[in-house]
C-alpha atoms as a PDB file:
ATOM      1  CA  UNK A   1      23.276  40.328  29.689  1.00  0.00           C
ATOM      2  CA  UNK A   2      24.932  37.099  28.510  1.00  0.00           C
ATOM      3  CA  UNK A   3      22.738  35.084  30.864  1.00  0.00           C
ATOM      4  CA  UNK A   4      19.641  36.861  29.494  1.00  0.00           C
ATOM      5  CA  UNK A   5      20.654  36.058  25.885  1.00  0.00           C
ATOM      6  CA  UNK A   6      21.236  32.424  26.825  1.00  0.00           C
ATOM      7  CA  UNK A   7      17.789  32.197  28.426  1.00  0.00           C
ATOM      8  CA  UNK A   8      16.166  34.044  25.501  1.00  0.00           C
ATOM      9  CA  UNK A   9      17.816  31.659  23.025  1.00  0.00           C
ATOM     10  CA  UNK A  10      16.627  28.631  25.022  1.00  0.00           C
ATOM     11  CA  UNK A  11      13.057  29.995  25.172  1.00  0.00           C
ATOM     12  CA  UNK A  12      13.098  30.685  21.420  1.00  0.00           C
ATOM     13  CA  UNK A  13      14.267  27.151  20.646  1.00  0.00           C
ATOM     14  CA  UNK A  14      11.604  25.636  22.907  1.00  0.00           C
ATOM     15  CA  UNK A  15       8.898  27.842  21.371  1.00  0.00           C
ATOM     16  CA  UNK A  16       9.926  26.807  17.860  1.00  0.00           C
ATOM     17  CA  UNK A  17      10.082  23.127  18.790  1.00  0.00           C
ATOM     18  CA  UNK A  18       6.646  22.939  20.451  1.00  0.00           C
ATOM     19  CA  UNK A  19       4.611  23.501  17.265  1.00  0.00           C
ATOM     20  CA  UNK A  20       6.521  20.754  15.461  1.00  0.00           C
ATOM     21  CA  UNK A  21       5.860  18.348  18.356  1.00  0.00           C
ATOM     22  CA  UNK A  22       2.189  19.302  18.600  1.00  0.00           C
ATOM     23  CA  UNK A  23       1.575  18.845  14.881  1.00  0.00           C
ATOM     24  CA  UNK A  24       3.635  15.663  14.491  1.00  0.00           C
ATOM     25  CA  UNK A  25       1.336  13.002  13.125  1.00  0.00           C
ATOM     26  CA  UNK A  26       1.750   9.350  12.496  1.00  0.00           C
ATOM     27  CA  UNK A  27       1.180   8.240   8.908  1.00  0.00           C
ATOM     28  CA  UNK A  28      -0.759   5.022   8.377  1.00  0.00           C
ATOM     29  CA  UNK A  29      -0.400   3.746   4.818  1.00  0.00           C
ATOM     30  CA  UNK A  30      -0.756   0.815   2.471  1.00  0.00           C
ATOM     31  CA  UNK A  31       2.490  -0.781   1.349  1.00  0.00           C
ATOM     32  CA  UNK A  32       3.239  -1.178  -1.449  1.00  0.00           C
ATOM     33  CA  UNK A  33       1.293   1.917  -2.496  1.00  0.00           C
ATOM     34  CA  UNK A  34       0.905   0.629  -6.063  1.00  0.00           C
ATOM     35  CA  UNK A  35       0.628  -2.977  -7.221  1.00  0.00           C
ATOM     36  CA  UNK A  36       0.449  -4.271 -10.776  1.00  0.00           C
ATOM     37  CA  UNK A  37      -2.451  -6.702 -10.784  1.00  0.00           C
ATOM     38  CA  UNK A  38      -1.485 -10.334 -11.187  1.00  0.00           C
ATOM     39  CA  UNK A  39      -3.733 -12.773 -13.062  1.00  0.00           C
ATOM     40  CA  UNK A  40      -7.224 -13.759 -11.927  1.00  0.00           C
ATOM     41  CA  UNK A  41      -7.036 -16.265  -9.075  1.00  0.00           C
ATOM     42  CA  UNK A  42      -3.651 -15.082  -7.839  1.00  0.00           C
ATOM     43  CA  UNK A  43      -3.220 -13.461  -4.433  1.00  0.00           C
ATOM     44  CA  UNK A  44      -1.697 -10.164  -3.373  1.00  0.00           C
ATOM     45  CA  UNK A  45      -0.531  -9.234   0.111  1.00  0.00           C
ATOM     46  CA  UNK A  46      -0.411  -5.676   1.394  1.00  0.00           C
ATOM     47  CA  UNK A  47       0.887  -4.275   4.656  1.00  0.00           C
ATOM     48  CA  UNK A  48      -0.798  -1.546   6.643  1.00  0.00           C
ATOM     49  CA  UNK A  49       2.233   0.344   7.934  1.00  0.00           C
ATOM     50  CA  UNK A  50       2.743   3.110  10.458  1.00  0.00           C
ATOM     51  CA  UNK A  51       5.469   5.729  10.308  1.00  0.00           C
ATOM     52  CA  UNK A  52       6.170   8.302  12.992  1.00  0.00           C
ATOM     53  CA  UNK A  53       3.970   6.711  15.631  1.00  0.00           C
ATOM     54  CA  UNK A  54       4.557   7.636  19.274  1.00  0.00           C
ATOM     55  CA  UNK A  55       3.009   6.069  22.378  1.00  0.00           C
ATOM     56  CA  UNK A  56       0.677   3.866  20.254  1.00  0.00           C
ATOM     57  CA  UNK A  57      -1.006   1.080  22.220  1.00  0.00           C
ATOM     58  CA  UNK A  58      -3.948   0.357  19.911  1.00  0.00           C
ATOM     59  CA  UNK A  59      -5.257   0.851  16.403  1.00  0.00           C
ATOM     60  CA  UNK A  60      -8.308   0.399  14.243  1.00  0.00           C
ATOM     61  CA  UNK A  61      -8.819   0.800  10.494  1.00  0.00           C
ATOM     62  CA  UNK A  62     -11.059  -0.295   7.665  1.00  0.00           C
ATOM     63  CA  UNK A  63      -9.347  -1.510   4.501  1.00  0.00           C
ATOM     64  CA  UNK A  64     -11.582  -0.828   1.504  1.00  0.00           C
ATOM     65  CA  UNK A  65     -11.272  -2.449  -1.915  1.00  0.00           C
ATOM     66  CA  UNK A  66     -13.237  -2.903  -5.139  1.00  0.00           C
ATOM     67  CA  UNK A  67     -15.146  -6.158  -4.632  1.00  0.00           C
ATOM     68  CA  UNK A  68     -15.492  -6.545  -8.415  1.00  0.00           C
ATOM     69  CA  UNK A  69     -11.677  -6.690  -8.687  1.00  0.00           C
ATOM     70  CA  UNK A  70     -10.584  -8.284  -5.395  1.00  0.00           C
ATOM     71  CA  UNK A  71     -11.876 -10.830  -2.885  1.00  0.00           C
ATOM     72  CA  UNK A  72     -10.922 -10.731   0.797  1.00  0.00           C
ATOM     73  CA  UNK A  73      -8.905 -13.755   1.960  1.00  0.00           C
ATOM     74  CA  UNK A  74      -7.356 -12.848   5.330  1.00  0.00           C
ATOM     75  CA  UNK A  75      -6.040 -10.107   7.591  1.00  0.00           C
ATOM     76  CA  UNK A  76      -3.903 -10.393  10.714  1.00  0.00           C
ATOM     77  CA  UNK A  77      -2.278  -8.192  13.328  1.00  0.00           C
ATOM     78  CA  UNK A  78       1.448  -7.840  12.598  1.00  0.00           C
ATOM     79  CA  UNK A  79       4.349  -7.150  14.971  1.00  0.00           C
ATOM     80  CA  UNK A  80       4.142  -3.389  15.628  1.00  0.00           C
ATOM     81  CA  UNK A  81       2.373  -3.626  18.978  1.00  0.00           C
ATOM     82  CA  UNK A  82       4.201  -5.311  21.897  1.00  0.00           C
ATOM     83  CA  UNK A  83       4.106  -9.072  22.439  1.00  0.00           C
ATOM     84  CA  UNK A  84       0.799 -10.119  23.947  1.00  0.00           C
ATOM     85  CA  UNK A  85      -1.236  -7.607  21.936  1.00  0.00           C
ATOM     86  CA  UNK A  86      -4.455  -9.023  20.627  1.00  0.00           C
ATOM     87  CA  UNK A  87      -6.671  -8.283  17.648  1.00  0.00           C
ATOM     88  CA  UNK A  88     -10.452  -8.398  17.591  1.00  0.00           C
ATOM     89  CA  UNK A  89     -11.686 -10.815  14.907  1.00  0.00           C
ATOM     90  CA  UNK A  90     -11.990  -8.837  11.648  1.00  0.00           C
ATOM     91  CA  UNK A  91     -15.387  -7.556  10.543  1.00  0.00           C
ATOM     92  CA  UNK A  92     -15.781  -8.381   6.854  1.00  0.00           C
ATOM     93  CA  UNK A  93     -18.399  -6.846   4.551  1.00  0.00           C
ATOM     94  CA  UNK A  94     -18.661  -6.327   0.799  1.00  0.00           C
ATOM     95  CA  UNK A  95     -15.554  -4.436  -0.297  1.00  0.00           C
ATOM     96  CA  UNK A  96     -14.182  -3.792   3.182  1.00  0.00           C
ATOM     97  CA  UNK A  97     -12.666  -5.358   6.261  1.00  0.00           C
ATOM     98  CA  UNK A  98     -12.180  -3.728   9.665  1.00  0.00           C
ATOM     99  CA  UNK A  99      -9.431  -4.725  12.074  1.00  0.00           C
ATOM    100  CA  UNK A 100      -8.689  -3.469  15.581  1.00  0.00           C
ATOM    101  CA  UNK A 101      -5.890  -4.460  17.954  1.00  0.00           C
ATOM    102  CA  UNK A 102      -4.651  -3.325  21.336  1.00  0.00           C
ATOM    103  CA  UNK A 103      -1.875  -3.922  23.809  1.00  0.00           C
ATOM    104  CA  UNK A 104      -2.552  -4.212  27.526  1.00  0.00           C
ATOM    105  CA  UNK A 105       1.155  -4.094  28.382  1.00  0.00           C
ATOM    106  CA  UNK A 106       1.953  -0.631  27.044  1.00  0.00           C
ATOM    107  CA  UNK A 107       2.754   1.201  23.836  1.00  0.00           C
ATOM    108  CA  UNK A 108       4.778   0.054  20.833  1.00  0.00           C
ATOM    109  CA  UNK A 109       8.533   0.357  21.283  1.00  0.00           C
ATOM    110  CA  UNK A 110       9.233   2.043  17.945  1.00  0.00           C
ATOM    111  CA  UNK A 111       7.811   4.757  15.759  1.00  0.00           C
ATOM    112  CA  UNK A 112       7.683   2.761  12.509  1.00  0.00           C
ATOM    113  CA  UNK A 113       6.418  -0.722  11.716  1.00  0.00           C
ATOM    114  CA  UNK A 114       3.651  -2.893  10.313  1.00  0.00           C
ATOM    115  CA  UNK A 115       0.232  -2.853  11.961  1.00  0.00           C
ATOM    116  CA  UNK A 116      -1.358  -5.611   9.863  1.00  0.00           C
ATOM    117  CA  UNK A 117      -0.996  -7.816   6.797  1.00  0.00           C
ATOM    118  CA  UNK A 118      -3.914  -8.420   4.425  1.00  0.00           C
ATOM    119  CA  UNK A 119      -4.262 -10.959   1.620  1.00  0.00           C
ATOM    120  CA  UNK A 120      -6.684 -10.470  -1.264  1.00  0.00           C
ATOM    121  CA  UNK A 121      -7.417 -12.589  -4.342  1.00  0.00           C
ATOM    122  CA  UNK A 122      -7.745 -11.100  -7.818  1.00  0.00           C
ATOM    123  CA  UNK A 123     -11.195 -11.740  -9.337  1.00  0.00           C
ATOM    124  CA  UNK A 124     -10.828  -9.282 -12.249  1.00  0.00           C
ATOM    125  CA  UNK A 125      -7.719  -7.617 -13.602  1.00  0.00           C
ATOM    126  CA  UNK A 126      -8.526  -3.899 -13.666  1.00  0.00           C
ATOM    127  CA  UNK A 127      -7.643  -0.568 -12.087  1.00  0.00           C
ATOM    128  CA  UNK A 128      -8.923  -0.316  -8.526  1.00  0.00           C
ATOM    129  CA  UNK A 129      -8.220   1.474  -5.263  1.00  0.00           C
ATOM    130  CA  UNK A 130      -7.217   0.258  -1.826  1.00  0.00           C
ATOM    131  CA  UNK A 131      -8.380   2.671   0.839  1.00  0.00           C
ATOM    132  CA  UNK A 132      -7.977   3.211   4.553  1.00  0.00           C
ATOM    133  CA  UNK A 133     -10.985   4.655   6.366  1.00  0.00           C
ATOM    134  CA  UNK A 134     -12.037   4.994  10.001  1.00  0.00           C
ATOM    135  CA  UNK A 135      -8.364   4.911  11.006  1.00  0.00           C
ATOM    136  CA  UNK A 136      -7.705   5.480  14.700  1.00  0.00           C
ATOM    137  CA  UNK A 137      -4.631   5.242  16.899  1.00  0.00           C
ATOM    138  CA  UNK A 138      -4.773   5.341  20.683  1.00  0.00           C
ATOM    139  CA  UNK A 139      -2.333   5.630  23.561  1.00  0.00           C
ATOM    140  CA  UNK A 140      -2.282   3.357  26.673  1.00  0.00           C
ATOM    141  CA  UNK A 141      -5.193   5.286  28.274  1.00  0.00           C
ATOM    142  CA  UNK A 142      -7.294   5.117  25.074  1.00  0.00           C
ATOM    143  CA  UNK A 143      -6.670   8.748  24.125  1.00  0.00           C
ATOM    144  CA  UNK A 144      -6.877   9.348  20.382  1.00  0.00           C
ATOM    145  CA  UNK A 145      -3.601  10.192  18.604  1.00  0.00           C
ATOM    146  CA  UNK A 146      -3.231  12.412  15.499  1.00  0.00           C
ATOM    147  CA  UNK A 147      -2.635  10.686  12.160  1.00  0.00           C
ATOM    148  CA  UNK A 148      -2.973  10.851   8.423  1.00  0.00           C
ATOM    149  CA  UNK A 149      -3.935   7.887   6.254  1.00  0.00           C
ATOM    150  CA  UNK A 150      -2.758   7.041   2.731  1.00  0.00           C
ATOM    151  CA  UNK A 151      -4.369   4.433   0.493  1.00  0.00           C
ATOM    152  CA  UNK A 152      -2.968   2.549  -2.450  1.00  0.00           C
ATOM    153  CA  UNK A 153      -3.969   1.303  -5.868  1.00  0.00           C
ATOM    154  CA  UNK A 154      -3.974  -1.721  -8.107  1.00  0.00           C
ATOM    155  CA  UNK A 155      -3.014  -1.037 -11.696  1.00  0.00           C
ATOM    156  CA  UNK A 156      -5.278  -2.788 -14.130  1.00  0.00           C
ATOM    157  CA  UNK A 157      -5.167  -5.038 -17.054  1.00  0.00           C
ATOM    158  CA  UNK A 158      -2.128  -5.100 -19.281  1.00  0.00           C
ATOM    159  CA  UNK A 159      -2.751  -4.256 -22.929  1.00  0.00           C
ATOM    160  CA  UNK A 160      -4.446  -7.000 -24.881  1.00  0.00           C
ATOM    161  CA  UNK A 161      -1.943  -9.051 -26.847  1.00  0.00           C
ATOM    162  CA  UNK A 162      -2.400  -8.387 -30.553  1.00  0.00           C
ATOM    163  CA  UNK A 163      -1.937 -11.154 -33.106  1.00  0.00           C
ATOM    164  CA  UNK A 164       1.311 -10.980 -35.075  1.00  0.00           C
ATOM    165  CA  UNK A 165       1.101  -9.326 -38.517  1.00  0.00           C
ATOM    166  CA  UNK A 166       3.242 -10.777 -41.284  1.00  0.00           C
ATOM    167  CA  UNK A 167       4.577  -8.365 -43.920  1.00  0.00           C
ATOM    168  CA  UNK A 168       6.636 -10.201 -46.508  1.00  0.00           C
ATOM    169  CA  UNK A 169       8.418  -8.638 -49.464  1.00  0.00           C
ATOM    170  CA  UNK A 170       9.195 -10.918 -52.388  1.00  0.00           C
ATOM    171  CA  UNK A 171      10.642 -10.280 -55.820  1.00  0.00           C
ATOM    172  CA  UNK A 172       8.095  -9.689 -58.611  1.00  0.00           C
ATOM    173  CA  UNK A 173       9.582 -12.461 -60.760  1.00  0.00           C
ATOM    174  CA  UNK A 174      11.523 -15.632 -60.244  1.00  0.00           C
ATOM    175  CA  UNK A 175      13.142 -18.314 -62.367  1.00  0.00           C
ATOM    176  CA  UNK A 176      12.170 -21.943 -61.963  1.00  0.00           C
ATOM    177  CA  UNK A 177      14.786 -23.896 -60.056  1.00  0.00           C
ATOM    178  CA  UNK A 178      16.491 -20.816 -58.563  1.00  0.00           C
ATOM    179  CA  UNK A 179      16.066 -19.665 -54.993  1.00  0.00           C
ATOM    180  CA  UNK A 180      14.483 -16.349 -54.116  1.00  0.00           C
ATOM    181  CA  UNK A 181      14.926 -14.175 -51.035  1.00  0.00           C
ATOM    182  CA  UNK A 182      11.951 -13.116 -48.923  1.00  0.00           C
ATOM    183  CA  UNK A 183      12.110 -10.131 -46.531  1.00  0.00           C
ATOM    184  CA  UNK A 184       9.944 -10.249 -43.398  1.00  0.00           C
ATOM    185  CA  UNK A 185      11.485  -7.197 -41.659  1.00  0.00           C
ATOM    186  CA  UNK A 186       8.162  -5.306 -41.793  1.00  0.00           C
ATOM    187  CA  UNK A 187       6.349  -7.947 -39.698  1.00  0.00           C
ATOM    188  CA  UNK A 188       5.152  -7.003 -36.192  1.00  0.00           C
ATOM    189  CA  UNK A 189       4.523  -8.855 -32.931  1.00  0.00           C
ATOM    190  CA  UNK A 190       3.778  -7.039 -29.646  1.00  0.00           C
ATOM    191  CA  UNK A 191       4.891  -9.821 -27.295  1.00  0.00           C
END
């Protein structure tokens, strides 16, 4: 009976573990997920990261962005895939860039890392989204792997700086040759 309970317990544990292994998915995301927009002409760099990857030997994704807010500068394969991995030259179109890379020597050693780094230039300071579409991960025999993708966002323009407002209180009367005291405590300046 003890042997039966031991076997039954083992089977139960295996049965409970299989669904969690089957449904385990890598998460491909933009890092940082939120960026405060710098000034026009300045550059921002984002990483396309992977978390929980297993047996990944290749990837592909399209990074989307608002072309009225950002201009594509560059994108490059990072260090997630093993040494010797190569990336196909990026395909750039209005508001998007597609990158694909693969390793011929086997899968990535770890579960987490950075797939690629992208640099964009700010052309207008405003709210906009960074998206990931057409995301695919593959194993060493080009079998598709399960994943979820998470985009990011750029927070827009800071509030417009308002001109200072002077509010000065002075006595109603004064005597020639004597000093008077002015009170500017009611003045405002938002900077």
